[in-house]
Amino acid sequence: MNRKPIFDAVRKLLGRSFTQDEVEALDEAIDMATGGLSASLAPESPTGSATSPAVTGRTLGKAGADLIKKWEGCAKRLANGNFTAYADPGSIDGEPWTIGWGSTGPDVTRGVIFTQAQCDERFDQDILHYVEAVDDFLGTSATTQNQFDALVSFHYNTGQIRKSTLAKLHKKGDFEGAEKEFARWIFNDGKPMNGLKNRRAEEAELYSAR
């Protein structure tokens, strides 16, 4: 797929060039959006059946969902029980604005209000993209449910399943090496964060519970 027209269009809308983080984020968004395209457009096999997609159909387990919700929390709760978007406390510019169970996106900005039901529904929608992205990256690599859950939690928090040494080591079958890599992902804007340190420790613990 030729991505240049997409990058050119977004660059024109922004009125500036991209940062490296933005390039990687846009690349991943395109990957997620077009993940099933090649399979749906693939020519039929001689028997007439469609080519099987790369994604194996893995799903997030309860342990993974519970871990993500524990560390994301459902915030920022107002007195009336609804939730308002809040700035990222660890970033310099407050980006990305977040609501509910760690949901972000162009529609989550200052002043946005969600009900509890909207927070839950948004999480269910958002998490599918992360589950599919991790599943697609891993392909048929040997992966237990606990390992998969830990990797989805990692990706939901960092967005780096395709770039990280952690995921690449796992894909190669170096589970011990991958487990050690969790401890490296504890920084926000170059500063170590206790919350991230503790989250990574729990992700590593879940990952190793094979």
Protein backbone atom coordinates (compact mmCIF):
# COMPACT_ATOMS: atom_id res chain seq x y z
CA MET A 1 0.00 0.00 0.00
CA ASN A 2 1.29 3.47 -0.95
CA ARG A 3 1.04 5.51 2.26
CA LYS A 4 2.53 8.71 0.87
CA PRO A 5 -0.82 10.30 -0.12
CA ILE A 6 -2.13 9.73 3.41
CA PHE A 7 0.95 11.24 5.05
CA ASP A 8 0.91 14.16 2.61
CA ALA A 9 -2.76 14.89 3.34
CA VAL A 10 -2.31 14.78 7.12
CA ARG A 11 0.86 16.87 6.90
CA LYS A 12 -1.07 19.49 4.94
CA LEU A 13 -3.85 19.55 7.53
CA LEU A 14 -1.33 19.95 10.35
CA GLY A 15 0.60 22.63 8.50
CA ARG A 16 3.92 21.17 9.61
CA SER A 17 6.14 18.13 9.35
CA PHE A 18 5.70 15.05 11.55
CA THR A 19 7.63 14.06 14.64
CA GLN A 20 8.97 10.51 14.70
CA ASP A 21 6.36 9.51 17.28
CA GLU A 22 3.62 10.85 15.00
CA VAL A 23 5.00 8.92 12.03
CA GLU A 24 4.98 5.69 14.04
CA ALA A 25 1.48 6.37 15.40
CA LEU A 26 0.08 7.09 11.93
CA ASP A 27 1.83 4.01 10.53
CA GLU A 28 0.23 1.86 13.21
CA ALA A 29 -3.21 3.43 12.66
CA ILE A 30 -2.97 2.60 8.95
CA ASP A 31 -1.87 -0.96 9.78
CA MET A 32 -4.83 -1.39 12.13
CA ALA A 33 -7.30 0.11 9.63
CA THR A 34 -6.09 -2.03 6.72
CA GLY A 35 -5.26 -5.19 8.62
CA GLY A 36 -8.01 -7.25 7.01
CA LEU A 37 -7.87 -5.59 3.61
CA SER A 38 -5.35 -7.89 1.99
CA ALA A 39 -7.26 -10.97 3.10
CA SER A 40 -10.59 -9.66 1.80
CA LEU A 41 -9.06 -8.74 -1.58
CA ALA A 42 -6.92 -11.84 -2.00
CA PRO A 43 -7.65 -14.07 -5.01
CA GLU A 44 -9.49 -17.27 -4.33
CA SER A 45 -7.57 -20.50 -4.07
CA PRO A 46 -8.04 -23.19 -6.70
CA THR A 47 -10.68 -24.81 -4.49
CA GLY A 48 -12.64 -21.56 -4.40
CA SER A 49 -12.15 -20.84 -0.70
CA ALA A 50 -10.77 -17.48 0.42
CA THR A 51 -7.22 -17.18 1.72
CA SER A 52 -7.16 -17.37 5.52
CA PRO A 53 -6.35 -14.09 7.29
CA ALA A 54 -3.13 -13.79 9.29
CA VAL A 55 -4.98 -12.96 12.51
CA THR A 56 -5.57 -16.08 14.61
CA GLY A 57 -8.61 -14.82 16.48
CA ARG A 58 -7.07 -14.62 19.94
CA THR A 59 -9.18 -12.79 22.52
CA LEU A 60 -8.37 -10.93 25.73
CA GLY A 61 -8.83 -13.01 28.87
CA LYS A 62 -10.34 -11.87 32.15
CA ALA A 63 -6.91 -11.55 33.78
CA GLY A 64 -5.81 -9.16 31.06
CA ALA A 65 -8.98 -7.06 31.15
CA ASP A 66 -8.81 -6.85 34.95
CA LEU A 67 -5.15 -5.80 34.87
CA ILE A 68 -5.78 -3.08 32.29
CA LYS A 69 -8.77 -1.69 34.15
CA LYS A 70 -6.89 -1.79 37.45
CA TRP A 71 -4.07 0.38 36.13
CA GLU A 72 -6.07 2.63 33.85
CA GLY A 73 -8.83 3.23 36.39
CA CYS A 74 -12.09 4.83 35.31
CA ALA A 75 -11.51 8.55 35.63
CA LYS A 76 -12.04 11.43 36.09
CA ARG A 77 -15.25 10.97 38.10
CA LEU A 78 -17.50 13.96 38.74
CA ALA A 79 -19.86 14.47 41.68
CA ASN A 80 -22.85 13.46 39.54
CA GLY A 81 -21.27 10.11 38.64
CA ASN A 82 -20.25 11.06 35.12
CA PHE A 83 -16.65 11.27 33.92
CA THR A 84 -14.72 14.13 32.35
CA ALA A 85 -11.65 14.06 30.14
CA TYR A 86 -8.35 14.84 31.86
CA ALA A 87 -4.85 15.77 30.71
CA ASP A 88 -2.01 13.26 30.91
CA PRO A 89 -0.34 14.13 34.24
CA GLY A 90 3.02 12.78 33.13
CA SER A 91 3.42 14.58 29.81
CA ILE A 92 4.74 18.08 29.24
CA ASP A 93 1.84 19.27 27.06
CA GLY A 94 -0.93 17.25 28.72
CA GLU A 95 -1.43 15.10 25.63
CA PRO A 96 -3.16 12.81 25.13
CA TRP A 97 -6.40 13.80 26.84
CA THR A 98 -7.94 10.71 28.38
CA ILE A 99 -11.32 9.59 29.70
CA GLY A 100 -12.81 6.53 31.36
CA TRP A 101 -10.71 3.38 31.14
CA GLY A 102 -7.75 5.10 29.49
CA SER A 103 -9.58 5.96 26.27
CA THR A 104 -7.94 8.54 24.00
CA GLY A 105 -8.54 9.84 20.50
CA PRO A 106 -9.40 12.96 18.50
CA ASP A 107 -12.85 13.06 20.11
CA VAL A 108 -11.42 13.06 23.66
CA THR A 109 -10.57 16.66 24.49
CA ARG A 110 -10.93 19.12 27.34
CA GLY A 111 -14.54 19.30 28.54
CA VAL A 112 -15.75 15.99 27.08
CA ILE A 113 -18.17 14.14 29.41
CA PHE A 114 -19.00 10.41 29.41
CA THR A 115 -21.44 8.39 31.50
CA GLN A 116 -20.24 5.15 33.11
CA ALA A 117 -21.99 3.20 30.37
CA GLN A 118 -20.21 5.25 27.70
CA CYS A 119 -16.85 4.64 29.41
CA ASP A 120 -17.48 0.89 29.46
CA GLU A 121 -18.70 0.81 25.86
CA ARG A 122 -15.74 2.86 24.66
CA PHE A 123 -13.30 0.52 26.40
CA ASP A 124 -14.93 -2.51 24.78
CA GLN A 125 -14.58 -0.83 21.38
CA ASP A 126 -11.05 0.44 21.91
CA ILE A 127 -9.61 -2.77 23.31
CA LEU A 128 -10.61 -4.72 20.20
CA HIS A 129 -8.17 -2.69 18.11
CA TYR A 130 -5.33 -3.45 20.52
CA VAL A 131 -6.21 -7.13 20.74
CA GLU A 132 -6.29 -7.41 16.94
CA ALA A 133 -3.01 -5.50 16.59
CA VAL A 134 -1.19 -7.79 19.04
CA ASP A 135 -2.75 -10.89 17.50
CA ASP A 136 -1.76 -9.75 14.02
CA PHE A 137 1.83 -9.01 15.07
CA LEU A 138 2.28 -12.34 16.85
CA GLY A 139 0.72 -14.39 14.07
CA THR A 140 1.17 -18.08 14.81
CA SER A 141 3.97 -17.54 17.35
CA ALA A 142 3.58 -19.75 20.41
CA THR A 143 1.75 -17.64 22.99
CA THR A 144 -0.15 -18.59 26.14
CA GLN A 145 -3.29 -16.75 27.21
CA ASN A 146 -1.43 -15.07 30.08
CA GLN A 147 1.36 -13.94 27.77
CA PHE A 148 -1.16 -12.57 25.30
CA ASP A 149 -3.06 -10.72 28.04
CA ALA A 150 0.15 -9.15 29.33
CA LEU A 151 1.18 -8.06 25.83
CA VAL A 152 -2.23 -6.49 25.17
CA SER A 153 -1.99 -4.55 28.43
CA PHE A 154 1.50 -3.41 27.44
CA HIS A 155 0.31 -2.33 24.00
CA TYR A 156 -2.79 -0.58 25.37
CA ASN A 157 -0.52 1.52 27.56
CA THR A 158 2.40 2.09 25.18
CA GLY A 159 1.15 1.49 21.63
CA GLN A 160 4.52 -0.09 20.81
CA ILE A 161 3.79 -3.75 20.10
CA ARG A 162 5.41 -3.56 16.66
CA LYS A 163 8.41 -1.47 17.70
CA SER A 164 9.42 -2.95 21.04
CA THR A 165 12.28 -5.36 21.61
CA LEU A 166 9.99 -7.01 24.16
CA ALA A 167 7.48 -8.14 21.54
CA LYS A 168 10.17 -9.10 19.04
CA LEU A 169 11.90 -11.32 21.61
CA HIS A 170 8.59 -12.97 22.45
CA LYS A 171 7.93 -13.66 18.79
CA LYS A 172 11.34 -15.36 18.56
CA GLY A 173 10.45 -17.56 21.52
CA ASP A 174 12.84 -15.84 23.96
CA PHE A 175 10.29 -15.60 26.75
CA GLU A 176 12.86 -14.98 29.48
CA GLY A 177 14.35 -12.09 27.54
CA ALA A 178 10.92 -10.66 26.77
CA GLU A 179 9.91 -10.80 30.43
CA LYS A 180 12.96 -8.75 31.41
CA GLU A 181 12.08 -6.09 28.82
CA PHE A 182 8.92 -5.02 30.65
CA ALA A 183 11.06 -3.22 33.25
CA ARG A 184 12.49 -0.90 30.59
CA TRP A 185 9.12 0.69 29.81
CA ILE A 186 8.72 2.89 32.88
CA PHE A 187 9.38 6.35 31.44
CA ASN A 188 7.07 9.21 30.49
CA ASP A 189 8.71 12.17 28.73
CA GLY A 190 12.06 10.76 29.84
CA LYS A 191 11.15 10.52 33.52
CA PRO A 192 10.71 7.22 35.40
CA MET A 193 7.21 6.85 36.83
CA ASN A 194 6.42 4.71 39.86
CA GLY A 195 3.00 3.84 38.46
CA LEU A 196 4.52 2.56 35.23
CA LYS A 197 7.18 0.66 37.15
CA ASN A 198 4.51 -1.13 39.18
CA ARG A 199 2.31 -1.77 36.14
CA ARG A 200 5.19 -3.27 34.19
CA ALA A 201 5.99 -5.51 37.16
CA GLU A 202 2.44 -6.86 37.19
CA GLU A 203 2.44 -7.32 33.42
CA ALA A 204 5.72 -9.24 33.68
CA GLU A 205 4.28 -11.38 36.47
CA LEU A 206 1.21 -12.22 34.38
CA TYR A 207 3.40 -12.86 31.34
CA SER A 208 5.57 -15.33 33.26
CA ALA A 209 2.58 -17.23 34.71
CA ARG A 210 2.64 -19.64 31.80
